[in-house]
Amino acid sequence: MLKGLYGVTDSQLLPDDRILLEAVEAALRGGMKVLQYRDKSLDADKRLRQASMLRVLCHSYQALFIINDDIELAADVEADGVHLGQQDETIAEARQRLGDYAIIGISCEGSMEQAQTAVEQGANYIAFGRFFPSRTKPDAKPAELSLLPAAKEAFKVPVVAIGGITMDNAAQLIEAGTDMIAVVHNLFASTDIESRAREFSKLFDQEDQE
């Protein structure tokens, strides 16, 4: 189910296999529901090795494992799906390569029009952002908070919020209707990743109780 904390790895924060696996497992223990493996390096062997290990680890916690941008890597490691940007390969190409059951997510920046196109083409979720200043993508265009309730009303697929999300601002995104919060730095740079993941996850539990 696409709801809750959606962690995104960062190869600078998590520079080797041991640190990466330990950090991801801590986040999984804390309740992370989805992990996106994001590594822009050209080291294909490293990416294949790490993605293979992370898929096994995520599945042992019943979490979903998504690959950023790389359809072939997602196919090679039998990931649950792929996350694509506006400049990446198409949803049709991903669907053809990965099959009907793959989860395909699309970055829609701050645009309802991009979201509409993505949903029409068969995206399983749509991601908006950045909502706050982001260390990972400092040049990304800002998105309006009002996008979240509008997207929830217009589309029948889960909505992800990304960009500069911290414990101080995550609740307002969840209240606005996002199904998942995608967190990079505020999760994986935390001194206690498991506790931070648990704090983020509890925000969704509180929303469900209201």
N, C-alpha and C. Protein backbone atom coordinates (compact mmCIF):
# COMPACT_ATOMS: atom_id res chain seq x y z
N MET A 1 0.84 -1.20 0.00
CA MET A 1 0.00 0.00 0.00
C MET A 1 0.88 1.25 0.00
N LEU A 2 0.54 2.18 -0.87
CA LEU A 2 1.36 3.37 -1.03
C LEU A 2 0.89 4.46 -0.07
N LYS A 3 1.34 4.32 1.17
CA LYS A 3 1.01 5.31 2.19
C LYS A 3 2.10 5.28 3.26
N GLY A 4 2.49 6.48 3.73
CA GLY A 4 3.47 6.53 4.81
C GLY A 4 4.80 7.13 4.40
N LEU A 5 5.83 6.75 5.12
CA LEU A 5 7.17 7.29 4.90
C LEU A 5 7.83 6.63 3.70
N TYR A 6 8.31 7.47 2.79
CA TYR A 6 8.95 7.03 1.55
C TYR A 6 10.39 7.56 1.60
N GLY A 7 11.34 6.70 1.93
CA GLY A 7 12.74 7.11 2.01
C GLY A 7 13.41 7.09 0.66
N VAL A 8 14.33 8.04 0.45
CA VAL A 8 15.11 8.10 -0.79
C VAL A 8 16.58 8.13 -0.42
N THR A 9 17.35 7.19 -0.95
CA THR A 9 18.77 7.11 -0.59
C THR A 9 19.57 8.22 -1.28
N ASP A 10 20.71 8.51 -0.69
CA ASP A 10 21.62 9.54 -1.21
C ASP A 10 23.02 8.96 -1.12
N SER A 11 23.69 8.84 -2.27
CA SER A 11 24.99 8.15 -2.29
C SER A 11 26.09 8.94 -1.58
N GLN A 12 25.88 10.23 -1.35
CA GLN A 12 26.87 10.99 -0.58
C GLN A 12 26.67 10.81 0.92
N LEU A 13 25.41 10.73 1.34
CA LEU A 13 25.13 10.48 2.76
C LEU A 13 25.45 9.04 3.14
N LEU A 14 25.26 8.12 2.19
CA LEU A 14 25.40 6.67 2.44
C LEU A 14 26.42 6.12 1.46
N PRO A 15 27.71 6.39 1.69
CA PRO A 15 28.72 6.20 0.65
C PRO A 15 29.19 4.77 0.38
N ASP A 16 28.92 3.83 1.28
CA ASP A 16 29.37 2.46 0.98
C ASP A 16 28.28 1.47 1.38
N ASP A 17 28.50 0.20 1.00
CA ASP A 17 27.47 -0.82 1.19
C ASP A 17 27.04 -0.94 2.65
N ARG A 18 28.01 -0.98 3.55
CA ARG A 18 27.68 -1.19 4.97
C ARG A 18 26.84 -0.05 5.52
N ILE A 19 27.27 1.18 5.28
CA ILE A 19 26.54 2.34 5.79
C ILE A 19 25.14 2.39 5.18
N LEU A 20 25.05 2.13 3.88
CA LEU A 20 23.77 2.14 3.18
C LEU A 20 22.80 1.12 3.77
N LEU A 21 23.25 -0.11 3.92
CA LEU A 21 22.37 -1.17 4.41
C LEU A 21 21.97 -0.93 5.86
N GLU A 22 22.90 -0.49 6.68
CA GLU A 22 22.57 -0.22 8.09
C GLU A 22 21.54 0.91 8.20
N ALA A 23 21.73 1.95 7.40
CA ALA A 23 20.81 3.10 7.45
C ALA A 23 19.42 2.70 6.97
N VAL A 24 19.37 1.97 5.88
CA VAL A 24 18.07 1.56 5.34
C VAL A 24 17.35 0.62 6.31
N GLU A 25 18.09 -0.31 6.90
CA GLU A 25 17.43 -1.22 7.85
C GLU A 25 16.92 -0.47 9.06
N ALA A 26 17.65 0.53 9.52
CA ALA A 26 17.17 1.34 10.65
C ALA A 26 15.87 2.04 10.28
N ALA A 27 15.80 2.60 9.07
CA ALA A 27 14.58 3.27 8.62
C ALA A 27 13.42 2.28 8.49
N LEU A 28 13.71 1.08 8.02
CA LEU A 28 12.67 0.04 7.91
C LEU A 28 12.16 -0.37 9.28
N ARG A 29 13.07 -0.49 10.24
CA ARG A 29 12.63 -0.82 11.61
C ARG A 29 11.72 0.28 12.16
N GLY A 30 11.99 1.51 11.75
CA GLY A 30 11.18 2.64 12.21
C GLY A 30 9.86 2.80 11.49
N GLY A 31 9.61 1.97 10.48
CA GLY A 31 8.30 2.00 9.83
C GLY A 31 8.27 2.53 8.41
N MET A 32 9.44 2.76 7.79
CA MET A 32 9.45 3.20 6.40
C MET A 32 8.74 2.17 5.52
N LYS A 33 7.83 2.63 4.65
CA LYS A 33 7.02 1.73 3.83
C LYS A 33 7.55 1.53 2.42
N VAL A 34 8.27 2.54 1.91
CA VAL A 34 8.78 2.49 0.54
C VAL A 34 10.20 3.04 0.56
N LEU A 35 11.09 2.40 -0.20
CA LEU A 35 12.44 2.92 -0.38
C LEU A 35 12.69 3.13 -1.86
N GLN A 36 13.22 4.30 -2.19
CA GLN A 36 13.70 4.56 -3.55
C GLN A 36 15.23 4.60 -3.53
N TYR A 37 15.81 3.74 -4.34
CA TYR A 37 17.27 3.72 -4.46
C TYR A 37 17.67 4.72 -5.54
N ARG A 38 18.40 5.75 -5.10
CA ARG A 38 18.81 6.82 -6.01
C ARG A 38 20.32 6.94 -5.98
N ASP A 39 20.95 6.55 -7.07
CA ASP A 39 22.41 6.64 -7.19
C ASP A 39 22.72 7.03 -8.62
N LYS A 40 23.25 8.24 -8.80
CA LYS A 40 23.49 8.77 -10.15
C LYS A 40 24.89 8.45 -10.66
N SER A 41 25.64 7.63 -9.92
CA SER A 41 27.00 7.32 -10.35
C SER A 41 26.98 6.43 -11.59
N LEU A 42 28.12 6.32 -12.23
CA LEU A 42 28.24 5.50 -13.44
C LEU A 42 28.78 4.11 -13.14
N ASP A 43 28.88 3.77 -11.86
CA ASP A 43 29.42 2.47 -11.44
C ASP A 43 28.28 1.44 -11.49
N ALA A 44 28.12 0.81 -12.65
CA ALA A 44 27.01 -0.11 -12.86
C ALA A 44 27.08 -1.32 -11.92
N ASP A 45 28.28 -1.82 -11.66
CA ASP A 45 28.43 -2.99 -10.78
C ASP A 45 27.98 -2.65 -9.36
N LYS A 46 28.39 -1.47 -8.89
CA LYS A 46 28.00 -1.06 -7.54
C LYS A 46 26.48 -0.90 -7.46
N ARG A 47 25.89 -0.29 -8.45
CA ARG A 47 24.45 -0.03 -8.42
C ARG A 47 23.66 -1.35 -8.45
N LEU A 48 24.12 -2.29 -9.26
CA LEU A 48 23.46 -3.59 -9.33
C LEU A 48 23.59 -4.33 -7.99
N ARG A 49 24.79 -4.29 -7.43
CA ARG A 49 25.03 -4.98 -6.15
C ARG A 49 24.17 -4.37 -5.04
N GLN A 50 24.21 -3.05 -4.92
CA GLN A 50 23.46 -2.40 -3.85
C GLN A 50 21.96 -2.57 -4.03
N ALA A 51 21.49 -2.41 -5.24
CA ALA A 51 20.04 -2.55 -5.48
C ALA A 51 19.57 -3.96 -5.16
N SER A 52 20.38 -4.94 -5.50
CA SER A 52 20.00 -6.35 -5.22
C SER A 52 19.88 -6.58 -3.72
N MET A 53 20.83 -6.06 -2.96
CA MET A 53 20.80 -6.23 -1.50
C MET A 53 19.63 -5.48 -0.89
N LEU A 54 19.38 -4.28 -1.38
CA LEU A 54 18.30 -3.47 -0.81
C LEU A 54 16.92 -4.08 -1.10
N ARG A 55 16.77 -4.68 -2.26
CA ARG A 55 15.48 -5.32 -2.56
C ARG A 55 15.18 -6.43 -1.55
N VAL A 56 16.16 -7.27 -1.30
CA VAL A 56 15.98 -8.36 -0.33
C VAL A 56 15.67 -7.79 1.06
N LEU A 57 16.41 -6.75 1.45
CA LEU A 57 16.21 -6.15 2.76
C LEU A 57 14.81 -5.54 2.88
N CYS A 58 14.39 -4.78 1.89
CA CYS A 58 13.06 -4.16 1.93
C CYS A 58 11.96 -5.22 2.01
N HIS A 59 12.09 -6.25 1.22
CA HIS A 59 11.04 -7.28 1.21
C HIS A 59 10.99 -8.05 2.52
N SER A 60 12.12 -8.13 3.22
CA SER A 60 12.10 -8.81 4.52
C SER A 60 11.30 -8.02 5.55
N TYR A 61 11.09 -6.72 5.28
CA TYR A 61 10.26 -5.87 6.15
C TYR A 61 8.91 -5.54 5.51
N GLN A 62 8.57 -6.27 4.45
CA GLN A 62 7.31 -6.03 3.72
C GLN A 62 7.21 -4.59 3.21
N ALA A 63 8.33 -4.01 2.86
CA ALA A 63 8.36 -2.66 2.28
C ALA A 63 8.58 -2.77 0.77
N LEU A 64 8.15 -1.74 0.06
CA LEU A 64 8.31 -1.71 -1.39
C LEU A 64 9.66 -1.11 -1.77
N PHE A 65 10.23 -1.62 -2.85
CA PHE A 65 11.54 -1.16 -3.31
C PHE A 65 11.44 -0.61 -4.72
N ILE A 66 11.78 0.67 -4.87
CA ILE A 66 11.66 1.39 -6.13
C ILE A 66 13.04 1.86 -6.57
N ILE A 67 13.30 1.83 -7.87
CA ILE A 67 14.56 2.32 -8.43
C ILE A 67 14.32 3.69 -9.06
N ASN A 68 15.24 4.61 -8.82
CA ASN A 68 15.14 5.94 -9.43
C ASN A 68 15.67 5.91 -10.86
N ASP A 69 14.81 6.25 -11.80
CA ASP A 69 15.18 6.57 -13.20
C ASP A 69 15.64 5.41 -14.09
N ASP A 70 16.04 4.29 -13.54
CA ASP A 70 16.73 3.26 -14.34
C ASP A 70 15.84 2.03 -14.50
N ILE A 71 15.13 1.98 -15.64
CA ILE A 71 14.20 0.88 -15.89
C ILE A 71 14.93 -0.45 -15.98
N GLU A 72 16.10 -0.47 -16.63
CA GLU A 72 16.84 -1.72 -16.79
C GLU A 72 17.31 -2.26 -15.44
N LEU A 73 17.79 -1.39 -14.57
CA LEU A 73 18.22 -1.83 -13.25
C LEU A 73 17.02 -2.37 -12.47
N ALA A 74 15.90 -1.71 -12.58
CA ALA A 74 14.68 -2.19 -11.90
C ALA A 74 14.31 -3.58 -12.38
N ALA A 75 14.44 -3.81 -13.69
CA ALA A 75 14.15 -5.15 -14.24
C ALA A 75 15.17 -6.17 -13.77
N ASP A 76 16.45 -5.79 -13.77
CA ASP A 76 17.52 -6.73 -13.42
C ASP A 76 17.40 -7.23 -11.99
N VAL A 77 17.00 -6.36 -11.06
CA VAL A 77 16.94 -6.77 -9.65
C VAL A 77 15.52 -7.14 -9.21
N GLU A 78 14.58 -7.11 -10.18
CA GLU A 78 13.18 -7.42 -9.87
C GLU A 78 12.65 -6.49 -8.77
N ALA A 79 12.91 -5.20 -8.93
CA ALA A 79 12.38 -4.19 -8.01
C ALA A 79 10.86 -4.14 -8.16
N ASP A 80 10.22 -3.52 -7.18
CA ASP A 80 8.75 -3.38 -7.24
C ASP A 80 8.33 -2.35 -8.28
N GLY A 81 9.27 -1.47 -8.66
CA GLY A 81 8.91 -0.48 -9.65
C GLY A 81 10.01 0.53 -9.87
N VAL A 82 9.65 1.61 -10.55
CA VAL A 82 10.61 2.63 -10.95
C VAL A 82 9.98 4.00 -10.77
N HIS A 83 10.83 4.98 -10.44
CA HIS A 83 10.38 6.37 -10.33
C HIS A 83 11.04 7.16 -11.45
N LEU A 84 10.24 7.83 -12.25
CA LEU A 84 10.73 8.55 -13.42
C LEU A 84 10.53 10.05 -13.28
N GLY A 85 11.47 10.82 -13.85
CA GLY A 85 11.31 12.26 -13.93
C GLY A 85 10.70 12.63 -15.27
N GLN A 86 10.49 13.91 -15.47
CA GLN A 86 9.89 14.37 -16.73
C GLN A 86 10.82 14.17 -17.92
N GLN A 87 12.13 14.09 -17.67
CA GLN A 87 13.09 13.95 -18.77
C GLN A 87 13.56 12.51 -18.96
N ASP A 88 12.99 11.59 -18.21
CA ASP A 88 13.42 10.20 -18.30
C ASP A 88 12.61 9.44 -19.35
N GLU A 89 12.78 8.15 -19.35
CA GLU A 89 12.02 7.32 -20.29
C GLU A 89 10.52 7.40 -19.96
N THR A 90 9.72 6.96 -20.90
CA THR A 90 8.27 7.12 -20.75
C THR A 90 7.65 6.03 -19.90
N ILE A 91 6.43 6.32 -19.42
CA ILE A 91 5.67 5.32 -18.67
C ILE A 91 5.44 4.09 -19.55
N ALA A 92 5.15 4.30 -20.82
CA ALA A 92 4.89 3.17 -21.73
C ALA A 92 6.12 2.26 -21.83
N GLU A 93 7.30 2.87 -21.92
CA GLU A 93 8.54 2.07 -22.00
C GLU A 93 8.74 1.29 -20.70
N ALA A 94 8.49 1.95 -19.57
CA ALA A 94 8.66 1.28 -18.28
C ALA A 94 7.65 0.14 -18.13
N ARG A 95 6.42 0.38 -18.54
CA ARG A 95 5.39 -0.65 -18.40
C ARG A 95 5.70 -1.85 -19.28
N GLN A 96 6.17 -1.58 -20.47
CA GLN A 96 6.49 -2.68 -21.39
C GLN A 96 7.63 -3.53 -20.84
N ARG A 97 8.61 -2.88 -20.24
CA ARG A 97 9.79 -3.61 -19.74
C ARG A 97 9.52 -4.30 -18.40
N LEU A 98 8.73 -3.65 -17.54
CA LEU A 98 8.58 -4.13 -16.16
C LEU A 98 7.28 -4.89 -15.91
N GLY A 99 6.32 -4.77 -16.82
CA GLY A 99 5.09 -5.54 -16.68
C GLY A 99 3.97 -4.78 -15.99
N ASP A 100 2.81 -5.41 -15.98
CA ASP A 100 1.59 -4.77 -15.49
C ASP A 100 1.62 -4.50 -13.99
N TYR A 101 2.38 -5.30 -13.25
CA TYR A 101 2.32 -5.19 -11.79
C TYR A 101 3.35 -4.22 -11.22
N ALA A 102 4.23 -3.71 -12.06
CA ALA A 102 5.25 -2.77 -11.57
C ALA A 102 4.60 -1.46 -11.13
N ILE A 103 5.17 -0.87 -10.09
CA ILE A 103 4.74 0.45 -9.62
C ILE A 103 5.57 1.49 -10.37
N ILE A 104 4.88 2.36 -11.08
CA ILE A 104 5.57 3.41 -11.83
C ILE A 104 5.11 4.75 -11.28
N GLY A 105 6.08 5.50 -10.73
CA GLY A 105 5.79 6.82 -10.19
C GLY A 105 6.44 7.89 -11.06
N ILE A 106 5.83 9.07 -11.07
CA ILE A 106 6.31 10.16 -11.91
C ILE A 106 6.45 11.44 -11.10
N SER A 107 7.56 12.13 -11.29
CA SER A 107 7.72 13.48 -10.73
C SER A 107 6.94 14.46 -11.59
N CYS A 108 6.03 15.19 -10.95
CA CYS A 108 5.20 16.16 -11.68
C CYS A 108 5.53 17.59 -11.29
N GLU A 109 6.64 17.78 -10.58
CA GLU A 109 7.11 19.10 -10.17
C GLU A 109 5.98 19.85 -9.46
N GLY A 110 5.54 20.98 -10.02
CA GLY A 110 4.43 21.70 -9.41
C GLY A 110 3.26 21.81 -10.34
N SER A 111 3.08 20.82 -11.21
CA SER A 111 2.15 20.94 -12.33
C SER A 111 1.02 19.92 -12.30
N MET A 112 -0.21 20.42 -12.24
CA MET A 112 -1.37 19.54 -12.36
C MET A 112 -1.47 18.97 -13.78
N GLU A 113 -1.00 19.74 -14.78
CA GLU A 113 -1.05 19.25 -16.16
C GLU A 113 -0.14 18.04 -16.34
N GLN A 114 1.08 18.10 -15.76
CA GLN A 114 1.97 16.95 -15.83
C GLN A 114 1.36 15.75 -15.11
N ALA A 115 0.70 16.02 -13.99
CA ALA A 115 0.06 14.93 -13.24
C ALA A 115 -1.06 14.30 -14.06
N GLN A 116 -1.86 15.14 -14.71
CA GLN A 116 -2.96 14.64 -15.55
C GLN A 116 -2.42 13.72 -16.64
N THR A 117 -1.36 14.14 -17.29
CA THR A 117 -0.75 13.33 -18.35
C THR A 117 -0.23 12.01 -17.78
N ALA A 118 0.44 12.10 -16.64
CA ALA A 118 1.00 10.88 -16.03
C ALA A 118 -0.09 9.88 -15.68
N VAL A 119 -1.18 10.36 -15.10
CA VAL A 119 -2.28 9.47 -14.72
C VAL A 119 -2.91 8.85 -15.96
N GLU A 120 -3.11 9.66 -16.98
CA GLU A 120 -3.70 9.14 -18.23
C GLU A 120 -2.81 8.07 -18.86
N GLN A 121 -1.50 8.20 -18.67
CA GLN A 121 -0.56 7.23 -19.25
C GLN A 121 -0.36 6.00 -18.37
N GLY A 122 -0.99 5.99 -17.19
CA GLY A 122 -0.96 4.80 -16.35
C GLY A 122 -0.02 4.83 -15.17
N ALA A 123 0.39 6.02 -14.72
CA ALA A 123 1.24 6.09 -13.52
C ALA A 123 0.50 5.56 -12.31
N ASN A 124 1.23 4.89 -11.43
CA ASN A 124 0.64 4.35 -10.19
C ASN A 124 0.65 5.36 -9.06
N TYR A 125 1.54 6.33 -9.12
CA TYR A 125 1.50 7.44 -8.18
C TYR A 125 2.12 8.66 -8.84
N ILE A 126 1.77 9.83 -8.30
CA ILE A 126 2.31 11.10 -8.80
C ILE A 126 3.00 11.81 -7.65
N ALA A 127 4.15 12.41 -7.95
CA ALA A 127 4.94 13.09 -6.92
C ALA A 127 5.05 14.57 -7.24
N PHE A 128 4.80 15.40 -6.24
CA PHE A 128 4.93 16.85 -6.39
C PHE A 128 6.02 17.39 -5.48
N GLY A 129 6.67 18.45 -5.90
CA GLY A 129 7.66 19.11 -5.06
C GLY A 129 8.67 19.84 -5.92
N ARG A 130 9.46 20.72 -5.33
CA ARG A 130 9.74 20.73 -3.91
C ARG A 130 8.80 21.66 -3.15
N PHE A 131 8.40 21.28 -1.96
CA PHE A 131 7.53 22.13 -1.15
C PHE A 131 8.32 23.06 -0.24
N PHE A 132 9.55 22.67 0.08
CA PHE A 132 10.42 23.46 0.95
C PHE A 132 11.83 23.46 0.35
N PRO A 133 12.70 24.39 0.77
CA PRO A 133 14.07 24.37 0.24
C PRO A 133 14.72 23.01 0.44
N SER A 134 15.35 22.51 -0.62
CA SER A 134 15.87 21.14 -0.61
C SER A 134 17.38 21.12 -0.77
N ARG A 135 18.05 20.34 0.07
CA ARG A 135 19.50 20.15 -0.09
C ARG A 135 19.80 19.25 -1.29
N THR A 136 18.93 18.28 -1.52
CA THR A 136 19.17 17.30 -2.58
C THR A 136 19.02 17.94 -3.96
N LYS A 137 17.97 18.76 -4.11
CA LYS A 137 17.74 19.43 -5.39
C LYS A 137 17.49 20.91 -5.14
N PRO A 138 18.54 21.67 -4.84
CA PRO A 138 18.36 23.08 -4.48
C PRO A 138 17.77 23.94 -5.59
N ASP A 139 17.93 23.51 -6.84
CA ASP A 139 17.44 24.31 -7.97
C ASP A 139 16.02 23.93 -8.40
N ALA A 140 15.42 22.95 -7.74
CA ALA A 140 14.07 22.53 -8.13
C ALA A 140 13.07 23.66 -7.91
N LYS A 141 12.10 23.74 -8.82
CA LYS A 141 11.09 24.80 -8.70
C LYS A 141 10.19 24.52 -7.51
N PRO A 142 9.75 25.58 -6.80
CA PRO A 142 8.84 25.37 -5.68
C PRO A 142 7.46 24.94 -6.14
N ALA A 143 6.79 24.15 -5.31
CA ALA A 143 5.41 23.72 -5.56
C ALA A 143 4.51 24.29 -4.46
N GLU A 144 3.28 24.56 -4.81
CA GLU A 144 2.33 25.14 -3.87
C GLU A 144 1.65 24.05 -3.05
N LEU A 145 1.46 24.31 -1.77
CA LEU A 145 0.79 23.35 -0.89
C LEU A 145 -0.61 23.01 -1.38
N SER A 146 -1.26 23.96 -2.03
CA SER A 146 -2.63 23.76 -2.52
C SER A 146 -2.72 22.67 -3.60
N LEU A 147 -1.56 22.30 -4.18
CA LEU A 147 -1.55 21.20 -5.15
C LEU A 147 -2.05 19.90 -4.55
N LEU A 148 -1.73 19.67 -3.28
CA LEU A 148 -2.02 18.36 -2.68
C LEU A 148 -3.52 18.07 -2.59
N PRO A 149 -4.32 18.95 -1.97
CA PRO A 149 -5.75 18.66 -1.96
C PRO A 149 -6.37 18.66 -3.35
N ALA A 150 -5.85 19.52 -4.24
CA ALA A 150 -6.38 19.55 -5.61
C ALA A 150 -6.11 18.22 -6.33
N ALA A 151 -4.90 17.69 -6.16
CA ALA A 151 -4.55 16.42 -6.81
C ALA A 151 -5.34 15.26 -6.22
N LYS A 152 -5.54 15.29 -4.91
CA LYS A 152 -6.32 14.22 -4.26
C LYS A 152 -7.75 14.20 -4.79
N GLU A 153 -8.28 15.38 -5.04
CA GLU A 153 -9.66 15.47 -5.55
C GLU A 153 -9.74 15.06 -7.02
N ALA A 154 -8.72 15.43 -7.79
CA ALA A 154 -8.77 15.23 -9.24
C ALA A 154 -8.38 13.82 -9.68
N PHE A 155 -7.48 13.18 -8.93
CA PHE A 155 -6.92 11.91 -9.39
C PHE A 155 -7.15 10.80 -8.37
N LYS A 156 -7.19 9.58 -8.89
CA LYS A 156 -7.47 8.43 -8.03
C LYS A 156 -6.21 7.64 -7.69
N VAL A 157 -5.05 8.25 -7.87
CA VAL A 157 -3.79 7.56 -7.54
C VAL A 157 -3.15 8.24 -6.34
N PRO A 158 -2.31 7.52 -5.59
CA PRO A 158 -1.64 8.12 -4.44
C PRO A 158 -0.75 9.30 -4.84
N VAL A 159 -0.63 10.22 -3.90
CA VAL A 159 0.14 11.45 -4.11
C VAL A 159 1.33 11.46 -3.14
N VAL A 160 2.51 11.79 -3.68
CA VAL A 160 3.73 11.88 -2.89
C VAL A 160 4.19 13.33 -2.85
N ALA A 161 4.61 13.78 -1.67
CA ALA A 161 5.22 15.11 -1.53
C ALA A 161 6.70 14.93 -1.29
N ILE A 162 7.52 15.78 -1.94
CA ILE A 162 8.97 15.69 -1.79
C ILE A 162 9.57 17.10 -1.76
N GLY A 163 10.72 17.21 -1.14
CA GLY A 163 11.47 18.46 -1.19
C GLY A 163 11.57 19.17 0.14
N GLY A 164 12.71 18.99 0.82
CA GLY A 164 12.97 19.72 2.06
C GLY A 164 12.06 19.34 3.22
N ILE A 165 11.56 18.12 3.22
CA ILE A 165 10.60 17.72 4.26
C ILE A 165 11.35 17.37 5.55
N THR A 166 10.88 17.93 6.66
CA THR A 166 11.45 17.68 7.98
C THR A 166 10.32 17.37 8.96
N MET A 167 10.70 17.02 10.17
CA MET A 167 9.67 16.79 11.20
C MET A 167 8.89 18.08 11.50
N ASP A 168 9.49 19.21 11.23
CA ASP A 168 8.82 20.48 11.52
C ASP A 168 7.74 20.84 10.50
N ASN A 169 7.85 20.31 9.29
CA ASN A 169 6.87 20.70 8.27
C ASN A 169 6.07 19.55 7.66
N ALA A 170 6.39 18.32 8.04
CA ALA A 170 5.73 17.17 7.40
C ALA A 170 4.24 17.12 7.70
N ALA A 171 3.85 17.49 8.92
CA ALA A 171 2.44 17.35 9.31
C ALA A 171 1.52 18.16 8.40
N GLN A 172 1.97 19.35 7.99
CA GLN A 172 1.09 20.17 7.15
C GLN A 172 0.88 19.55 5.78
N LEU A 173 1.87 18.81 5.29
CA LEU A 173 1.72 18.11 4.02
C LEU A 173 0.72 16.96 4.14
N ILE A 174 0.81 16.25 5.25
CA ILE A 174 -0.11 15.13 5.48
C ILE A 174 -1.53 15.65 5.66
N GLU A 175 -1.68 16.74 6.41
CA GLU A 175 -3.00 17.34 6.59
C GLU A 175 -3.57 17.83 5.26
N ALA A 176 -2.69 18.26 4.35
CA ALA A 176 -3.14 18.74 3.04
C ALA A 176 -3.53 17.60 2.10
N GLY A 177 -3.20 16.36 2.49
CA GLY A 177 -3.70 15.22 1.72
C GLY A 177 -2.67 14.30 1.11
N THR A 178 -1.38 14.58 1.29
CA THR A 178 -0.40 13.68 0.68
C THR A 178 -0.49 12.28 1.30
N ASP A 179 -0.32 11.27 0.46
CA ASP A 179 -0.34 9.88 0.94
C ASP A 179 1.03 9.44 1.44
N MET A 180 2.07 10.03 0.86
CA MET A 180 3.43 9.67 1.25
C MET A 180 4.28 10.93 1.31
N ILE A 181 5.24 10.93 2.23
CA ILE A 181 6.25 11.98 2.27
C ILE A 181 7.59 11.34 1.91
N ALA A 182 8.22 11.89 0.86
CA ALA A 182 9.52 11.38 0.41
C ALA A 182 10.61 12.20 1.08
N VAL A 183 11.46 11.52 1.86
CA VAL A 183 12.45 12.21 2.68
C VAL A 183 13.84 11.64 2.37
N VAL A 184 14.77 12.55 2.17
CA VAL A 184 16.17 12.15 1.93
C VAL A 184 16.99 12.54 3.16
N HIS A 185 17.34 13.80 3.23
CA HIS A 185 18.33 14.28 4.19
C HIS A 185 17.84 14.19 5.63
N ASN A 186 16.61 14.60 5.88
CA ASN A 186 16.13 14.64 7.26
C ASN A 186 15.93 13.25 7.85
N LEU A 187 15.94 12.24 6.98
CA LEU A 187 15.88 10.85 7.44
C LEU A 187 17.29 10.27 7.53
N PHE A 188 18.01 10.25 6.42
CA PHE A 188 19.26 9.50 6.36
C PHE A 188 20.48 10.26 6.90
N ALA A 189 20.32 11.55 7.19
CA ALA A 189 21.40 12.28 7.87
C ALA A 189 21.13 12.38 9.36
N SER A 190 20.04 11.79 9.82
CA SER A 190 19.70 11.84 11.25
C SER A 190 20.69 11.02 12.06
N THR A 191 20.93 11.44 13.29
CA THR A 191 21.84 10.67 14.15
C THR A 191 21.16 9.39 14.66
N ASP A 192 19.82 9.36 14.63
CA ASP A 192 19.09 8.14 15.01
C ASP A 192 18.01 7.91 13.96
N ILE A 193 18.39 7.19 12.91
CA ILE A 193 17.51 7.02 11.75
C ILE A 193 16.24 6.27 12.12
N GLU A 194 16.37 5.25 12.95
CA GLU A 194 15.17 4.47 13.33
C GLU A 194 14.15 5.35 14.06
N SER A 195 14.62 6.15 15.00
CA SER A 195 13.71 7.02 15.75
C SER A 195 13.09 8.07 14.83
N ARG A 196 13.89 8.62 13.92
CA ARG A 196 13.36 9.62 13.00
C ARG A 196 12.29 9.00 12.10
N ALA A 197 12.54 7.80 11.60
CA ALA A 197 11.55 7.12 10.77
C ALA A 197 10.27 6.87 11.55
N ARG A 198 10.42 6.51 12.82
CA ARG A 198 9.24 6.26 13.66
C ARG A 198 8.44 7.54 13.87
N GLU A 199 9.15 8.65 14.05
CA GLU A 199 8.47 9.94 14.24
C GLU A 199 7.67 10.32 12.99
N PHE A 200 8.28 10.16 11.83
CA PHE A 200 7.56 10.46 10.59
C PHE A 200 6.34 9.53 10.43
N SER A 201 6.54 8.24 10.72
CA SER A 201 5.47 7.27 10.55
C SER A 201 4.29 7.57 11.48
N LYS A 202 4.61 8.03 12.67
CA LYS A 202 3.54 8.34 13.64
C LYS A 202 2.63 9.46 13.15
N LEU A 203 3.15 10.37 12.34
CA LEU A 203 2.32 11.45 11.80
C LEU A 203 1.16 10.90 10.98
N PHE A 204 1.41 9.80 10.27
CA PHE A 204 0.35 9.19 9.48
C PHE A 204 -0.66 8.48 10.39
N ASP A 205 -0.16 7.87 11.46
CA ASP A 205 -1.07 7.21 12.41
C ASP A 205 -2.00 8.25 13.04
N GLN A 206 -1.44 9.42 13.37
CA GLN A 206 -2.27 10.47 13.97
C GLN A 206 -3.32 10.95 13.00
N GLU A 207 -2.95 11.08 11.73
CA GLU A 207 -3.90 11.53 10.71
C GLU A 207 -5.03 10.52 10.56
N ASP A 208 -4.70 9.22 10.61
CA ASP A 208 -5.72 8.17 10.47
C ASP A 208 -6.70 8.20 11.63
N GLN A 209 -6.24 8.62 12.81
CA GLN A 209 -7.11 8.62 13.99
C GLN A 209 -8.05 9.83 14.03
N GLU A 210 -7.72 10.86 13.26
CA GLU A 210 -8.54 12.08 13.32
C GLU A 210 -9.79 11.97 12.47
